[in-house]
């Protein structure tokens, strides 16, 4: 059994700050990446116990959110930018796991909540509905017939995932007190829960439904700065719909992912 583990950094236990922890020049960025790597390794251990034979890890954090030197020995890891989507490589994926995710921007008490860019984007809409990375990743996998069966992160992230997959195996590692504060589990406790949750999720393959959004697609991005929208509008595939907003369209989410 092969699974895809899409990783982010903001949803790890103990990670609560953009400037010092999740930005690549942050004072505690290396520590945050170690914490994330240990949680991913716990996830992989649980998945292997459940019967997975080929865990593929995608480091989805913009500047990199994993310490490749210490990743689980049984994992294969997709690193670097730009890269072809895993869905374009002909690999049969049985299920998708979302590790260390965060809620979309403007989510009350969503720890480190943002929509793709914490420094550049305010909101995103897919077919006129607000959407963040969680919903998009779930729908993108669904387009390929792949269910998303697991998510770890803060309480707001798990709640967001359950809007798309109500019975997803959701592991809450911290409770938001504000955008940059949380009541967090210890990293060791979080790893225990993630390992057990991953094992349980594998046992539910086939019983958790695949989520899809019907095409065609219209994706609107609202930028924090009007200049960003103006710059993005210079490309032929985008339409400027306001001082801060850009619209792109496509028949498949793979097109949207490439354009956005």
C-alpha atoms as a PDB file:
ATOM      1  CA  UNK A   1       0.000   0.000   0.000  1.00  0.00           C
ATOM      2  CA  UNK A   2       1.331   3.421  -0.979  1.00  0.00           C
ATOM      3  CA  UNK A   3       0.355   6.651   0.772  1.00  0.00           C
ATOM      4  CA  UNK A   4       1.178  10.272   0.082  1.00  0.00           C
ATOM      5  CA  UNK A   5       2.012  12.364   3.147  1.00  0.00           C
ATOM      6  CA  UNK A   6       1.704  16.081   2.361  1.00  0.00           C
ATOM      7  CA  UNK A   7       3.617  17.958   5.047  1.00  0.00           C
ATOM      8  CA  UNK A   8       3.520  21.491   6.354  1.00  0.00           C
ATOM      9  CA  UNK A   9       5.367  23.040   9.274  1.00  0.00           C
ATOM     10  CA  UNK A  10       2.850  25.310  10.972  1.00  0.00           C
ATOM     11  CA  UNK A  11       0.767  22.451  12.392  1.00  0.00           C
ATOM     12  CA  UNK A  12       3.468  20.823  14.516  1.00  0.00           C
ATOM     13  CA  UNK A  13       3.199  20.792  18.299  1.00  0.00           C
ATOM     14  CA  UNK A  14       5.252  23.598  19.819  1.00  0.00           C
ATOM     15  CA  UNK A  15       5.266  25.702  16.648  1.00  0.00           C
ATOM     16  CA  UNK A  16       3.364  28.990  17.135  1.00  0.00           C
ATOM     17  CA  UNK A  17       5.351  31.821  15.507  1.00  0.00           C
ATOM     18  CA  UNK A  18       5.999  32.792  11.891  1.00  0.00           C
ATOM     19  CA  UNK A  19       9.014  35.043  12.346  1.00  0.00           C
ATOM     20  CA  UNK A  20      11.127  32.884  14.667  1.00  0.00           C
ATOM     21  CA  UNK A  21       9.976  29.373  13.733  1.00  0.00           C
ATOM     22  CA  UNK A  22       8.467  28.917  10.262  1.00  0.00           C
ATOM     23  CA  UNK A  23      10.389  31.476   8.177  1.00  0.00           C
ATOM     24  CA  UNK A  24      13.683  30.067   6.951  1.00  0.00           C
ATOM     25  CA  UNK A  25      15.763  32.795   8.602  1.00  0.00           C
ATOM     26  CA  UNK A  26      14.025  32.413  11.946  1.00  0.00           C
ATOM     27  CA  UNK A  27      16.047  31.845  15.096  1.00  0.00           C
ATOM     28  CA  UNK A  28      14.226  28.599  15.903  1.00  0.00           C
ATOM     29  CA  UNK A  29      13.518  27.392  12.366  1.00  0.00           C
ATOM     30  CA  UNK A  30      15.872  24.421  12.589  1.00  0.00           C
ATOM     31  CA  UNK A  31      14.303  23.342  15.876  1.00  0.00           C
ATOM     32  CA  UNK A  32      10.822  23.618  14.338  1.00  0.00           C
ATOM     33  CA  UNK A  33      11.916  21.446  11.431  1.00  0.00           C
ATOM     34  CA  UNK A  34      13.281  18.834  13.828  1.00  0.00           C
ATOM     35  CA  UNK A  35       9.983  18.795  15.731  1.00  0.00           C
ATOM     36  CA  UNK A  36       8.100  18.379  12.463  1.00  0.00           C
ATOM     37  CA  UNK A  37      10.406  15.622  11.249  1.00  0.00           C
ATOM     38  CA  UNK A  38       9.948  13.649  14.453  1.00  0.00           C
ATOM     39  CA  UNK A  39       6.162  13.905  14.097  1.00  0.00           C
ATOM     40  CA  UNK A  40       6.316  12.771  10.465  1.00  0.00           C
ATOM     41  CA  UNK A  41       8.454   9.820  11.529  1.00  0.00           C
ATOM     42  CA  UNK A  42       5.844   8.892  14.132  1.00  0.00           C
ATOM     43  CA  UNK A  43       3.167   9.086  11.444  1.00  0.00           C
ATOM     44  CA  UNK A  44       5.201   6.809   9.199  1.00  0.00           C
ATOM     45  CA  UNK A  45       5.732   4.313  12.028  1.00  0.00           C
ATOM     46  CA  UNK A  46       1.988   4.126  12.602  1.00  0.00           C
ATOM     47  CA  UNK A  47       1.277   3.788   8.899  1.00  0.00           C
ATOM     48  CA  UNK A  48       3.813   0.980   8.555  1.00  0.00           C
ATOM     49  CA  UNK A  49       2.229  -0.796  11.506  1.00  0.00           C
ATOM     50  CA  UNK A  50      -1.103  -0.486   9.704  1.00  0.00           C
ATOM     51  CA  UNK A  51       0.214  -2.145   6.544  1.00  0.00           C
ATOM     52  CA  UNK A  52       1.697   0.640   4.399  1.00  0.00           C
ATOM     53  CA  UNK A  53       4.682  -0.484   2.342  1.00  0.00           C
ATOM     54  CA  UNK A  54       5.595   2.708   0.483  1.00  0.00           C
ATOM     55  CA  UNK A  55       5.196   6.036   2.340  1.00  0.00           C
ATOM     56  CA  UNK A  56       5.950   8.989   0.063  1.00  0.00           C
ATOM     57  CA  UNK A  57       6.589  12.263   1.860  1.00  0.00           C
ATOM     58  CA  UNK A  58       6.050  15.618   0.154  1.00  0.00           C
ATOM     59  CA  UNK A  59       7.624  18.574   1.940  1.00  0.00           C
ATOM     60  CA  UNK A  60       4.984  21.192   1.223  1.00  0.00           C
ATOM     61  CA  UNK A  61       6.386  24.018   3.353  1.00  0.00           C
ATOM     62  CA  UNK A  62       7.620  26.806   1.091  1.00  0.00           C
ATOM     63  CA  UNK A  63      11.151  27.100   2.425  1.00  0.00           C
ATOM     64  CA  UNK A  64      11.304  23.467   3.549  1.00  0.00           C
ATOM     65  CA  UNK A  65       9.860  22.072   6.735  1.00  0.00           C
ATOM     66  CA  UNK A  66      11.742  18.808   7.261  1.00  0.00           C
ATOM     67  CA  UNK A  67      15.234  17.737   8.286  1.00  0.00           C
ATOM     68  CA  UNK A  68      16.035  15.235   5.538  1.00  0.00           C
ATOM     69  CA  UNK A  69      19.009  13.862   7.498  1.00  0.00           C
ATOM     70  CA  UNK A  70      16.685  12.473  10.145  1.00  0.00           C
ATOM     71  CA  UNK A  71      13.637  11.397   8.131  1.00  0.00           C
ATOM     72  CA  UNK A  72      12.391   7.834   8.608  1.00  0.00           C
ATOM     73  CA  UNK A  73      14.513   5.323   6.726  1.00  0.00           C
ATOM     74  CA  UNK A  74      11.494   3.748   5.009  1.00  0.00           C
ATOM     75  CA  UNK A  75      10.259   7.032   3.524  1.00  0.00           C
ATOM     76  CA  UNK A  76      10.800   8.364   0.045  1.00  0.00           C
ATOM     77  CA  UNK A  77      10.823  12.150   0.037  1.00  0.00           C
ATOM     78  CA  UNK A  78       9.900  14.712  -2.619  1.00  0.00           C
ATOM     79  CA  UNK A  79      12.079  17.790  -2.150  1.00  0.00           C
ATOM     80  CA  UNK A  80      12.944  20.937  -4.075  1.00  0.00           C
ATOM     81  CA  UNK A  81      11.255  23.494  -6.310  1.00  0.00           C
ATOM     82  CA  UNK A  82       9.955  23.443  -8.936  1.00  0.00           C
ATOM     83  CA  UNK A  83       8.794  19.838  -9.125  1.00  0.00           C
ATOM     84  CA  UNK A  84       6.223  17.864 -11.013  1.00  0.00           C
ATOM     85  CA  UNK A  85       3.107  17.019  -9.079  1.00  0.00           C
ATOM     86  CA  UNK A  86       3.046  13.530  -7.630  1.00  0.00           C
ATOM     87  CA  UNK A  87      -0.190  13.076  -9.574  1.00  0.00           C
ATOM     88  CA  UNK A  88       1.723  13.536 -12.845  1.00  0.00           C
ATOM     89  CA  UNK A  89       4.235  10.784 -12.125  1.00  0.00           C
ATOM     90  CA  UNK A  90       2.040   7.751 -12.675  1.00  0.00           C
ATOM     91  CA  UNK A  91       2.236   6.536  -9.081  1.00  0.00           C
ATOM     92  CA  UNK A  92      -0.793   4.741  -7.718  1.00  0.00           C
ATOM     93  CA  UNK A  93      -1.644   6.382  -4.399  1.00  0.00           C
ATOM     94  CA  UNK A  94      -4.047   4.547  -2.091  1.00  0.00           C
ATOM     95  CA  UNK A  95      -4.644   7.378   0.382  1.00  0.00           C
ATOM     96  CA  UNK A  96      -3.485  10.877   1.231  1.00  0.00           C
ATOM     97  CA  UNK A  97      -2.373  12.040   4.684  1.00  0.00           C
ATOM     98  CA  UNK A  98      -2.132  15.741   5.533  1.00  0.00           C
ATOM     99  CA  UNK A  99       0.488  16.272   8.212  1.00  0.00           C
ATOM    100  CA  UNK A 100       1.084  19.496  10.176  1.00  0.00           C
ATOM    101  CA  UNK A 101      -1.549  21.592   8.461  1.00  0.00           C
ATOM    102  CA  UNK A 102      -3.046  24.949   9.434  1.00  0.00           C
ATOM    103  CA  UNK A 103      -6.411  26.589   8.853  1.00  0.00           C
ATOM    104  CA  UNK A 104      -7.094  29.184   6.155  1.00  0.00           C
ATOM    105  CA  UNK A 105      -6.411  32.854   6.818  1.00  0.00           C
ATOM    106  CA  UNK A 106      -8.779  34.788   9.090  1.00  0.00           C
ATOM    107  CA  UNK A 107      -9.859  31.684  11.019  1.00  0.00           C
ATOM    108  CA  UNK A 108     -10.610  32.594  14.654  1.00  0.00           C
ATOM    109  CA  UNK A 109      -7.879  31.149  16.901  1.00  0.00           C
ATOM    110  CA  UNK A 110      -6.344  29.333  13.937  1.00  0.00           C
ATOM    111  CA  UNK A 111      -2.701  28.885  14.908  1.00  0.00           C
ATOM    112  CA  UNK A 112      -0.499  30.402  12.178  1.00  0.00           C
ATOM    113  CA  UNK A 113      -3.532  30.405   9.899  1.00  0.00           C
ATOM    114  CA  UNK A 114      -2.951  31.644   6.347  1.00  0.00           C
ATOM    115  CA  UNK A 115      -3.841  30.801   2.768  1.00  0.00           C
ATOM    116  CA  UNK A 116      -0.699  29.758   0.884  1.00  0.00           C
ATOM    117  CA  UNK A 117       1.282  32.882   1.785  1.00  0.00           C
ATOM    118  CA  UNK A 118       1.269  34.433   5.246  1.00  0.00           C
ATOM    119  CA  UNK A 119       2.997  37.536   3.868  1.00  0.00           C
ATOM    120  CA  UNK A 120       1.155  38.072   0.602  1.00  0.00           C
ATOM    121  CA  UNK A 121      -2.389  36.612   0.459  1.00  0.00           C
ATOM    122  CA  UNK A 122      -5.530  37.457   2.427  1.00  0.00           C
ATOM    123  CA  UNK A 123      -8.229  35.114   1.066  1.00  0.00           C
ATOM    124  CA  UNK A 124      -8.848  32.560  -1.665  1.00  0.00           C
ATOM    125  CA  UNK A 125     -12.099  31.326  -3.168  1.00  0.00           C
ATOM    126  CA  UNK A 126     -12.767  28.245  -5.274  1.00  0.00           C
ATOM    127  CA  UNK A 127     -16.073  28.432  -7.126  1.00  0.00           C
ATOM    128  CA  UNK A 128     -17.128  31.313  -4.877  1.00  0.00           C
ATOM    129  CA  UNK A 129     -16.406  29.478  -1.612  1.00  0.00           C
ATOM    130  CA  UNK A 130     -13.565  30.389   0.718  1.00  0.00           C
ATOM    131  CA  UNK A 131     -10.868  27.741   0.619  1.00  0.00           C
ATOM    132  CA  UNK A 132      -7.425  27.147   2.055  1.00  0.00           C
ATOM    133  CA  UNK A 133      -4.678  24.613   1.555  1.00  0.00           C
ATOM    134  CA  UNK A 134      -6.568  21.896   3.425  1.00  0.00           C
ATOM    135  CA  UNK A 135      -9.651  21.993   1.227  1.00  0.00           C
ATOM    136  CA  UNK A 136      -7.647  22.373  -1.956  1.00  0.00           C
ATOM    137  CA  UNK A 137      -5.329  19.448  -1.130  1.00  0.00           C
ATOM    138  CA  UNK A 138      -8.296  17.240  -0.255  1.00  0.00           C
ATOM    139  CA  UNK A 139     -10.133  18.132  -3.474  1.00  0.00           C
ATOM    140  CA  UNK A 140      -6.987  17.782  -5.592  1.00  0.00           C
ATOM    141  CA  UNK A 141      -6.470  14.242  -4.335  1.00  0.00           C
ATOM    142  CA  UNK A 142     -10.152  13.535  -4.864  1.00  0.00           C
ATOM    143  CA  UNK A 143      -9.811  14.558  -8.502  1.00  0.00           C
ATOM    144  CA  UNK A 144      -7.444  11.585  -8.830  1.00  0.00           C
ATOM    145  CA  UNK A 145      -9.834   9.273  -6.974  1.00  0.00           C
ATOM    146  CA  UNK A 146      -7.703   9.321  -3.812  1.00  0.00           C
ATOM    147  CA  UNK A 147      -9.294   9.788  -0.365  1.00  0.00           C
ATOM    148  CA  UNK A 148      -7.748  11.950   2.328  1.00  0.00           C
ATOM    149  CA  UNK A 149      -8.019   9.932   5.518  1.00  0.00           C
ATOM    150  CA  UNK A 150      -5.787  11.699   8.077  1.00  0.00           C
ATOM    151  CA  UNK A 151      -4.889  15.211   9.178  1.00  0.00           C
ATOM    152  CA  UNK A 152      -2.840  16.535  12.072  1.00  0.00           C
ATOM    153  CA  UNK A 153      -2.545  20.134  13.212  1.00  0.00           C
ATOM    154  CA  UNK A 154      -4.276  22.568  15.525  1.00  0.00           C
ATOM    155  CA  UNK A 155      -7.962  22.347  16.458  1.00  0.00           C
ATOM    156  CA  UNK A 156      -9.005  24.824  13.755  1.00  0.00           C
ATOM    157  CA  UNK A 157      -7.203  22.808  11.070  1.00  0.00           C
ATOM    158  CA  UNK A 158      -8.947  19.574  12.076  1.00  0.00           C
ATOM    159  CA  UNK A 159     -12.312  21.340  12.163  1.00  0.00           C
ATOM    160  CA  UNK A 160     -11.672  22.730   8.675  1.00  0.00           C
ATOM    161  CA  UNK A 161     -10.781  19.300   7.320  1.00  0.00           C
ATOM    162  CA  UNK A 162     -13.996  17.851   8.714  1.00  0.00           C
ATOM    163  CA  UNK A 163     -15.979  20.331   6.618  1.00  0.00           C
ATOM    164  CA  UNK A 164     -14.823  18.270   3.620  1.00  0.00           C
ATOM    165  CA  UNK A 165     -14.296  14.816   5.133  1.00  0.00           C
ATOM    166  CA  UNK A 166     -16.470  14.544   8.265  1.00  0.00           C
ATOM    167  CA  UNK A 167     -14.998  11.230   9.400  1.00  0.00           C
ATOM    168  CA  UNK A 168     -11.336  12.009   8.706  1.00  0.00           C
ATOM    169  CA  UNK A 169      -8.898  10.744  11.328  1.00  0.00           C
ATOM    170  CA  UNK A 170      -8.009  14.090  12.892  1.00  0.00           C
ATOM    171  CA  UNK A 171      -5.239  14.549  15.433  1.00  0.00           C
ATOM    172  CA  UNK A 172      -5.264  17.813  17.407  1.00  0.00           C
ATOM    173  CA  UNK A 173      -1.809  18.699  18.753  1.00  0.00           C
ATOM    174  CA  UNK A 174      -2.613  22.230  19.970  1.00  0.00           C
ATOM    175  CA  UNK A 175      -5.525  24.516  20.766  1.00  0.00           C
ATOM    176  CA  UNK A 176      -5.347  28.045  19.410  1.00  0.00           C
ATOM    177  CA  UNK A 177      -5.336  30.974  21.811  1.00  0.00           C
ATOM    178  CA  UNK A 178      -4.705  33.453  18.999  1.00  0.00           C
ATOM    179  CA  UNK A 179      -3.030  33.384  15.590  1.00  0.00           C
ATOM    180  CA  UNK A 180       0.396  33.199  17.244  1.00  0.00           C
ATOM    181  CA  UNK A 181      -0.324  31.493  20.565  1.00  0.00           C
ATOM    182  CA  UNK A 182      -1.526  28.028  21.529  1.00  0.00           C
ATOM    183  CA  UNK A 183      -2.014  25.574  24.332  1.00  0.00           C
ATOM    184  CA  UNK A 184       0.150  22.830  22.870  1.00  0.00           C
ATOM    185  CA  UNK A 185       0.741  19.206  23.702  1.00  0.00           C
ATOM    186  CA  UNK A 186       4.294  18.207  24.458  1.00  0.00           C
ATOM    187  CA  UNK A 187       6.083  17.031  21.307  1.00  0.00           C
ATOM    188  CA  UNK A 188       6.400  13.521  22.772  1.00  0.00           C
ATOM    189  CA  UNK A 189       2.659  13.272  23.494  1.00  0.00           C
ATOM    190  CA  UNK A 190       1.824  14.638  20.044  1.00  0.00           C
ATOM    191  CA  UNK A 191       4.013  11.987  18.412  1.00  0.00           C
ATOM    192  CA  UNK A 192       2.245   9.225  20.335  1.00  0.00           C
ATOM    193  CA  UNK A 193      -1.169  10.445  19.164  1.00  0.00           C
ATOM    194  CA  UNK A 194      -0.027  10.890  15.572  1.00  0.00           C
ATOM    195  CA  UNK A 195       1.442   7.397  15.442  1.00  0.00           C
ATOM    196  CA  UNK A 196      -1.742   5.817  16.763  1.00  0.00           C
ATOM    197  CA  UNK A 197      -3.937   7.995  14.546  1.00  0.00           C
ATOM    198  CA  UNK A 198      -1.991   7.008  11.441  1.00  0.00           C
ATOM    199  CA  UNK A 199      -2.289   3.324  12.286  1.00  0.00           C
ATOM    200  CA  UNK A 200      -6.036   3.681  12.808  1.00  0.00           C
ATOM    201  CA  UNK A 201      -6.450   5.668   9.594  1.00  0.00           C
ATOM    202  CA  UNK A 202      -4.882   2.901   7.517  1.00  0.00           C
ATOM    203  CA  UNK A 203      -7.415   0.490   8.952  1.00  0.00           C
ATOM    204  CA  UNK A 204     -10.143   2.756   7.596  1.00  0.00           C
ATOM    205  CA  UNK A 205      -8.984   2.813   3.980  1.00  0.00           C
ATOM    206  CA  UNK A 206     -12.045   2.061   1.891  1.00  0.00           C
ATOM    207  CA  UNK A 207     -14.506   3.388   4.449  1.00  0.00           C
ATOM    208  CA  UNK A 208     -13.629   7.111   4.278  1.00  0.00           C
ATOM    209  CA  UNK A 209     -15.177   8.682   1.200  1.00  0.00           C
ATOM    210  CA  UNK A 210     -13.261  10.594  -1.464  1.00  0.00           C
ATOM    211  CA  UNK A 211     -14.175  14.290  -1.586  1.00  0.00           C
ATOM    212  CA  UNK A 212     -14.501  16.083  -4.921  1.00  0.00           C
ATOM    213  CA  UNK A 213     -15.621  19.486  -6.191  1.00  0.00           C
ATOM    214  CA  UNK A 214     -17.338  19.477  -9.612  1.00  0.00           C
ATOM    215  CA  UNK A 215     -15.620  21.337 -12.473  1.00  0.00           C
ATOM    216  CA  UNK A 216     -15.184  23.805 -14.111  1.00  0.00           C
ATOM    217  CA  UNK A 217     -13.206  25.885 -11.647  1.00  0.00           C
ATOM    218  CA  UNK A 218     -12.820  29.568 -10.891  1.00  0.00           C
ATOM    219  CA  UNK A 219     -10.127  30.435  -8.370  1.00  0.00           C
ATOM    220  CA  UNK A 220      -9.894  33.948  -6.951  1.00  0.00           C
ATOM    221  CA  UNK A 221      -6.963  35.211  -4.900  1.00  0.00           C
ATOM    222  CA  UNK A 222      -7.114  38.352  -2.794  1.00  0.00           C
ATOM    223  CA  UNK A 223      -3.649  39.809  -2.191  1.00  0.00           C
ATOM    224  CA  UNK A 224      -2.634  41.928   0.760  1.00  0.00           C
ATOM    225  CA  UNK A 225      -1.061  44.508  -1.559  1.00  0.00           C
ATOM    226  CA  UNK A 226      -2.565  45.892  -4.766  1.00  0.00           C
ATOM    227  CA  UNK A 227       0.894  45.779  -6.342  1.00  0.00           C
ATOM    228  CA  UNK A 228       0.937  41.974  -5.992  1.00  0.00           C
ATOM    229  CA  UNK A 229      -2.353  41.696  -7.874  1.00  0.00           C
ATOM    230  CA  UNK A 230      -1.046  44.039 -10.549  1.00  0.00           C
ATOM    231  CA  UNK A 231       2.104  41.950 -10.972  1.00  0.00           C
ATOM    232  CA  UNK A 232       0.171  38.678 -11.166  1.00  0.00           C
ATOM    233  CA  UNK A 233      -2.244  40.170 -13.718  1.00  0.00           C
ATOM    234  CA  UNK A 234       0.627  40.564 -16.161  1.00  0.00           C
ATOM    235  CA  UNK A 235       0.353  36.863 -16.976  1.00  0.00           C
ATOM    236  CA  UNK A 236      -2.042  35.877 -19.757  1.00  0.00           C
ATOM    237  CA  UNK A 237      -3.794  33.211 -17.669  1.00  0.00           C
ATOM    238  CA  UNK A 238      -5.056  35.693 -15.042  1.00  0.00           C
ATOM    239  CA  UNK A 239      -7.788  38.301 -14.963  1.00  0.00           C
ATOM    240  CA  UNK A 240      -7.676  41.207 -12.537  1.00  0.00           C
ATOM    241  CA  UNK A 241     -11.123  41.559 -10.972  1.00  0.00           C
ATOM    242  CA  UNK A 242     -10.380  44.281  -8.401  1.00  0.00           C
ATOM    243  CA  UNK A 243      -7.555  46.313  -6.952  1.00  0.00           C
ATOM    244  CA  UNK A 244      -6.405  43.335  -4.866  1.00  0.00           C
ATOM    245  CA  UNK A 245      -7.977  40.314  -6.619  1.00  0.00           C
ATOM    246  CA  UNK A 246      -7.032  37.995  -9.470  1.00  0.00           C
ATOM    247  CA  UNK A 247      -9.149  35.290 -11.102  1.00  0.00           C
ATOM    248  CA  UNK A 248      -7.946  32.171 -12.896  1.00  0.00           C
ATOM    249  CA  UNK A 249     -10.044  29.405 -14.454  1.00  0.00           C
ATOM    250  CA  UNK A 250      -9.591  25.783 -15.453  1.00  0.00           C
ATOM    251  CA  UNK A 251     -11.327  22.504 -16.142  1.00  0.00           C
ATOM    252  CA  UNK A 252      -9.189  20.596 -13.657  1.00  0.00           C
ATOM    253  CA  UNK A 253      -7.696  21.430 -10.299  1.00  0.00           C
ATOM    254  CA  UNK A 254      -4.328  20.412 -11.706  1.00  0.00           C
ATOM    255  CA  UNK A 255      -4.619  23.412 -14.036  1.00  0.00           C
ATOM    256  CA  UNK A 256      -5.508  25.686 -11.143  1.00  0.00           C
ATOM    257  CA  UNK A 257      -2.575  24.400  -9.116  1.00  0.00           C
ATOM    258  CA  UNK A 258      -0.160  25.145 -11.965  1.00  0.00           C
ATOM    259  CA  UNK A 259      -1.564  28.633 -12.601  1.00  0.00           C
ATOM    260  CA  UNK A 260      -1.921  29.854  -9.049  1.00  0.00           C
END
